[in-house]
């Protein structure tokens, strides 16, 4: 693994933080719904229906912060896929 990739992965881990397997599954469901064109509110609803124990509480005061978090995870997921494809 090159230095740039390693540095990116380390920084991403700091930003995203440690997550349980249920949290990862919930996040993946949100990203999947976003990739299908859902709004952040609809994506959160889809993920909450699939993973009710991980349901996020949101309102008008924090939805933009949540949206930014999932935009980051969405981009991170795309980058990870490109890294995997590059290494295969």
N, C-alpha and C. Protein backbone atom coordinates (compact mmCIF):
# COMPACT_ATOMS: atom_id res chain seq x y z
N UNK A 1 0.86 -1.17 0.00
CA UNK A 1 0.00 0.00 0.00
C UNK A 1 0.91 1.24 0.00
N UNK A 2 0.61 2.17 -0.89
CA UNK A 2 1.45 3.35 -0.96
C UNK A 2 1.15 4.31 0.20
N UNK A 3 2.05 5.26 0.40
CA UNK A 3 1.94 6.18 1.54
C UNK A 3 0.68 7.03 1.48
N UNK A 4 0.33 7.49 0.30
CA UNK A 4 -0.85 8.34 0.15
C UNK A 4 -2.12 7.58 0.52
N UNK A 5 -2.23 6.35 0.04
CA UNK A 5 -3.40 5.53 0.36
C UNK A 5 -3.46 5.25 1.85
N UNK A 6 -2.34 4.91 2.43
CA UNK A 6 -2.29 4.62 3.87
C UNK A 6 -2.69 5.86 4.66
N UNK A 7 -2.17 7.02 4.29
CA UNK A 7 -2.51 8.26 4.99
C UNK A 7 -4.01 8.56 4.87
N UNK A 8 -4.56 8.35 3.67
CA UNK A 8 -5.99 8.60 3.47
C UNK A 8 -6.81 7.68 4.38
N UNK A 9 -6.49 6.39 4.38
CA UNK A 9 -7.25 5.43 5.18
C UNK A 9 -7.16 5.74 6.67
N UNK A 10 -6.01 6.16 7.13
CA UNK A 10 -5.86 6.50 8.54
C UNK A 10 -6.71 7.72 8.89
N UNK A 11 -6.69 8.73 8.03
CA UNK A 11 -7.48 9.94 8.28
C UNK A 11 -8.97 9.63 8.22
N UNK A 12 -9.38 8.83 7.26
CA UNK A 12 -10.79 8.46 7.15
C UNK A 12 -11.26 7.71 8.40
N UNK A 13 -10.41 6.84 8.92
CA UNK A 13 -10.76 6.11 10.15
C UNK A 13 -10.95 7.07 11.32
N UNK A 14 -10.14 8.11 11.38
CA UNK A 14 -10.30 9.11 12.43
C UNK A 14 -11.61 9.87 12.28
N UNK A 15 -11.95 10.21 11.07
CA UNK A 15 -13.17 10.99 10.82
C UNK A 15 -14.42 10.15 11.07
N UNK A 16 -14.43 8.94 10.54
CA UNK A 16 -15.62 8.09 10.66
C UNK A 16 -15.73 7.49 12.06
N UNK A 17 -14.62 7.14 12.64
CA UNK A 17 -14.62 6.55 13.98
C UNK A 17 -14.93 5.06 13.94
N UNK A 18 -14.85 4.48 15.11
CA UNK A 18 -15.16 3.05 15.22
C UNK A 18 -16.66 2.87 15.15
N UNK A 19 -17.06 1.83 14.42
CA UNK A 19 -18.48 1.53 14.28
C UNK A 19 -18.70 0.04 14.47
N UNK A 20 -19.83 -0.30 15.05
CA UNK A 20 -20.20 -1.72 15.18
C UNK A 20 -20.65 -2.23 13.81
N UNK A 21 -20.80 -3.53 13.70
CA UNK A 21 -21.26 -4.09 12.43
C UNK A 21 -22.68 -3.60 12.11
N UNK A 22 -23.52 -3.40 13.12
CA UNK A 22 -24.86 -2.87 12.89
C UNK A 22 -24.81 -1.42 12.42
N UNK A 23 -23.90 -0.63 12.96
CA UNK A 23 -23.75 0.75 12.52
C UNK A 23 -23.27 0.82 11.08
N UNK A 24 -22.34 -0.05 10.74
CA UNK A 24 -21.84 -0.11 9.36
C UNK A 24 -22.97 -0.50 8.40
N UNK A 25 -23.76 -1.49 8.79
CA UNK A 25 -24.88 -1.92 7.95
C UNK A 25 -25.88 -0.78 7.76
N UNK A 26 -26.18 -0.06 8.82
CA UNK A 26 -27.09 1.09 8.74
C UNK A 26 -26.50 2.14 7.81
N UNK A 27 -25.24 2.48 8.01
CA UNK A 27 -24.58 3.48 7.17
C UNK A 27 -24.60 3.04 5.70
N UNK A 28 -24.34 1.77 5.46
CA UNK A 28 -24.36 1.26 4.08
C UNK A 28 -25.76 1.38 3.47
N UNK A 29 -26.79 1.16 4.28
CA UNK A 29 -28.17 1.29 3.79
C UNK A 29 -28.47 2.74 3.44
N UNK A 30 -27.99 3.68 4.26
CA UNK A 30 -28.18 5.10 3.96
C UNK A 30 -27.49 5.44 2.65
N UNK A 31 -26.24 5.03 2.50
CA UNK A 31 -25.47 5.33 1.29
C UNK A 31 -26.14 4.71 0.06
N UNK A 32 -26.60 3.48 0.19
CA UNK A 32 -27.28 2.81 -0.93
C UNK A 32 -28.51 3.62 -1.36
N UNK A 33 -29.29 4.07 -0.40
CA UNK A 33 -30.49 4.86 -0.72
C UNK A 33 -30.10 6.20 -1.34
N UNK A 34 -29.04 6.82 -0.84
CA UNK A 34 -28.57 8.08 -1.44
C UNK A 34 -28.13 7.85 -2.88
N UNK A 35 -27.44 6.75 -3.12
CA UNK A 35 -26.99 6.43 -4.47
C UNK A 35 -28.16 6.18 -5.42
N UNK A 36 -29.30 5.81 -4.88
CA UNK A 36 -30.49 5.58 -5.69
C UNK A 36 -31.30 6.87 -5.88
N UNK A 37 -30.78 7.97 -5.35
CA UNK A 37 -31.43 9.26 -5.55
C UNK A 37 -32.34 9.73 -4.44
N UNK A 38 -32.37 9.02 -3.34
CA UNK A 38 -33.21 9.44 -2.21
C UNK A 38 -32.63 10.68 -1.54
N UNK A 39 -33.50 11.47 -0.96
CA UNK A 39 -33.05 12.58 -0.12
C UNK A 39 -32.45 12.00 1.15
N UNK A 40 -31.73 12.81 1.90
CA UNK A 40 -31.15 12.31 3.14
C UNK A 40 -32.24 11.85 4.11
N UNK A 41 -33.35 12.58 4.16
CA UNK A 41 -34.44 12.19 5.05
C UNK A 41 -35.02 10.83 4.65
N UNK A 42 -35.23 10.63 3.36
CA UNK A 42 -35.76 9.35 2.89
C UNK A 42 -34.74 8.23 3.08
N UNK A 43 -33.47 8.52 2.86
CA UNK A 43 -32.42 7.52 3.04
C UNK A 43 -32.34 7.09 4.50
N UNK A 44 -32.47 8.04 5.40
CA UNK A 44 -32.46 7.70 6.83
C UNK A 44 -33.68 6.86 7.20
N UNK A 45 -34.82 7.15 6.60
CA UNK A 45 -36.03 6.37 6.86
C UNK A 45 -35.87 4.93 6.35
N UNK A 46 -35.29 4.77 5.17
CA UNK A 46 -35.06 3.44 4.61
C UNK A 46 -34.14 2.64 5.54
N UNK A 47 -33.05 3.26 5.95
CA UNK A 47 -32.10 2.58 6.82
C UNK A 47 -32.71 2.26 8.18
N UNK A 48 -33.52 3.17 8.71
CA UNK A 48 -34.17 2.94 10.01
C UNK A 48 -35.15 1.78 9.94
N UNK A 49 -35.81 1.63 8.80
CA UNK A 49 -36.75 0.51 8.64
C UNK A 49 -36.00 -0.82 8.63
N UNK A 50 -34.82 -0.83 8.05
CA UNK A 50 -34.02 -2.07 7.97
C UNK A 50 -33.25 -2.33 9.25
N UNK A 51 -32.82 -1.27 9.92
CA UNK A 51 -31.99 -1.38 11.13
C UNK A 51 -32.55 -0.46 12.21
N UNK A 52 -33.71 -0.82 12.78
CA UNK A 52 -34.37 0.09 13.73
C UNK A 52 -33.54 0.39 14.99
N UNK A 53 -32.67 -0.51 15.37
CA UNK A 53 -31.86 -0.25 16.57
C UNK A 53 -30.81 0.83 16.33
N UNK A 54 -30.54 1.14 15.06
CA UNK A 54 -29.53 2.15 14.71
C UNK A 54 -30.16 3.45 14.22
N UNK A 55 -31.48 3.56 14.33
CA UNK A 55 -32.20 4.73 13.83
C UNK A 55 -31.62 6.01 14.44
N UNK A 56 -31.36 6.98 13.58
CA UNK A 56 -30.84 8.27 14.02
C UNK A 56 -31.97 9.24 14.31
N UNK A 57 -31.80 10.04 15.34
CA UNK A 57 -32.75 11.11 15.62
C UNK A 57 -32.23 12.36 14.94
N UNK A 58 -33.08 12.96 14.13
CA UNK A 58 -32.68 14.16 13.42
C UNK A 58 -33.82 15.15 13.40
N UNK A 59 -33.46 16.39 13.18
CA UNK A 59 -34.44 17.45 13.01
C UNK A 59 -33.80 18.54 12.15
N UNK A 60 -34.50 19.63 12.01
CA UNK A 60 -34.02 20.71 11.14
C UNK A 60 -32.69 21.30 11.61
N UNK A 61 -32.38 21.14 12.89
CA UNK A 61 -31.14 21.74 13.41
C UNK A 61 -29.90 20.89 13.13
N UNK A 62 -30.09 19.59 12.88
CA UNK A 62 -28.90 18.74 12.66
C UNK A 62 -28.90 17.97 11.34
N UNK A 63 -29.93 18.11 10.53
CA UNK A 63 -30.00 17.32 9.29
C UNK A 63 -28.88 17.66 8.33
N UNK A 64 -28.45 18.91 8.28
CA UNK A 64 -27.36 19.27 7.37
C UNK A 64 -26.04 18.63 7.81
N UNK A 65 -25.81 18.56 9.10
CA UNK A 65 -24.61 17.90 9.62
C UNK A 65 -24.65 16.40 9.31
N UNK A 66 -25.80 15.79 9.48
CA UNK A 66 -25.97 14.37 9.16
C UNK A 66 -25.77 14.14 7.67
N UNK A 67 -26.33 15.02 6.85
CA UNK A 67 -26.18 14.90 5.39
C UNK A 67 -24.71 14.99 5.01
N UNK A 68 -23.98 15.91 5.61
CA UNK A 68 -22.55 16.06 5.31
C UNK A 68 -21.78 14.81 5.72
N UNK A 69 -22.14 14.24 6.86
CA UNK A 69 -21.50 13.00 7.32
C UNK A 69 -21.71 11.87 6.31
N UNK A 70 -22.93 11.74 5.84
CA UNK A 70 -23.21 10.66 4.88
C UNK A 70 -22.66 10.96 3.50
N UNK A 71 -22.54 12.22 3.14
CA UNK A 71 -21.85 12.55 1.88
C UNK A 71 -20.39 12.10 1.96
N UNK A 72 -19.79 12.30 3.13
CA UNK A 72 -18.40 11.85 3.32
C UNK A 72 -18.31 10.33 3.23
N UNK A 73 -19.21 9.64 3.92
CA UNK A 73 -19.18 8.17 3.89
C UNK A 73 -19.44 7.67 2.47
N UNK A 74 -20.34 8.32 1.76
CA UNK A 74 -20.64 7.94 0.37
C UNK A 74 -19.38 8.06 -0.50
N UNK A 75 -18.69 9.18 -0.38
CA UNK A 75 -17.46 9.39 -1.14
C UNK A 75 -16.37 8.41 -0.70
N UNK A 76 -16.28 8.19 0.59
CA UNK A 76 -15.29 7.25 1.13
C UNK A 76 -15.53 5.84 0.58
N UNK A 77 -16.78 5.43 0.52
CA UNK A 77 -17.12 4.12 -0.01
C UNK A 77 -16.69 4.01 -1.47
N UNK A 78 -16.91 5.06 -2.22
CA UNK A 78 -16.49 5.09 -3.63
C UNK A 78 -14.97 4.99 -3.75
N UNK A 79 -14.26 5.70 -2.91
CA UNK A 79 -12.79 5.66 -2.94
C UNK A 79 -12.29 4.27 -2.57
N UNK A 80 -12.88 3.65 -1.56
CA UNK A 80 -12.47 2.29 -1.17
C UNK A 80 -12.67 1.31 -2.32
N UNK A 81 -13.77 1.46 -3.04
CA UNK A 81 -14.02 0.59 -4.19
C UNK A 81 -12.94 0.77 -5.26
N UNK A 82 -12.55 2.00 -5.51
CA UNK A 82 -11.49 2.27 -6.49
C UNK A 82 -10.15 1.70 -6.03
N UNK A 83 -9.88 1.80 -4.74
CA UNK A 83 -8.62 1.23 -4.22
C UNK A 83 -8.63 -0.29 -4.39
N UNK A 84 -9.76 -0.92 -4.05
CA UNK A 84 -9.86 -2.39 -4.22
C UNK A 84 -9.67 -2.79 -5.67
N UNK A 85 -10.31 -2.05 -6.57
CA UNK A 85 -10.20 -2.37 -8.00
C UNK A 85 -8.77 -2.16 -8.50
N UNK A 86 -8.11 -1.16 -8.01
CA UNK A 86 -6.73 -0.89 -8.39
C UNK A 86 -5.79 -2.01 -7.93
N UNK A 87 -6.09 -2.58 -6.77
CA UNK A 87 -5.23 -3.61 -6.20
C UNK A 87 -5.53 -5.01 -6.72
N UNK A 88 -6.56 -5.15 -7.50
CA UNK A 88 -6.92 -6.48 -8.04
C UNK A 88 -6.38 -6.69 -9.42
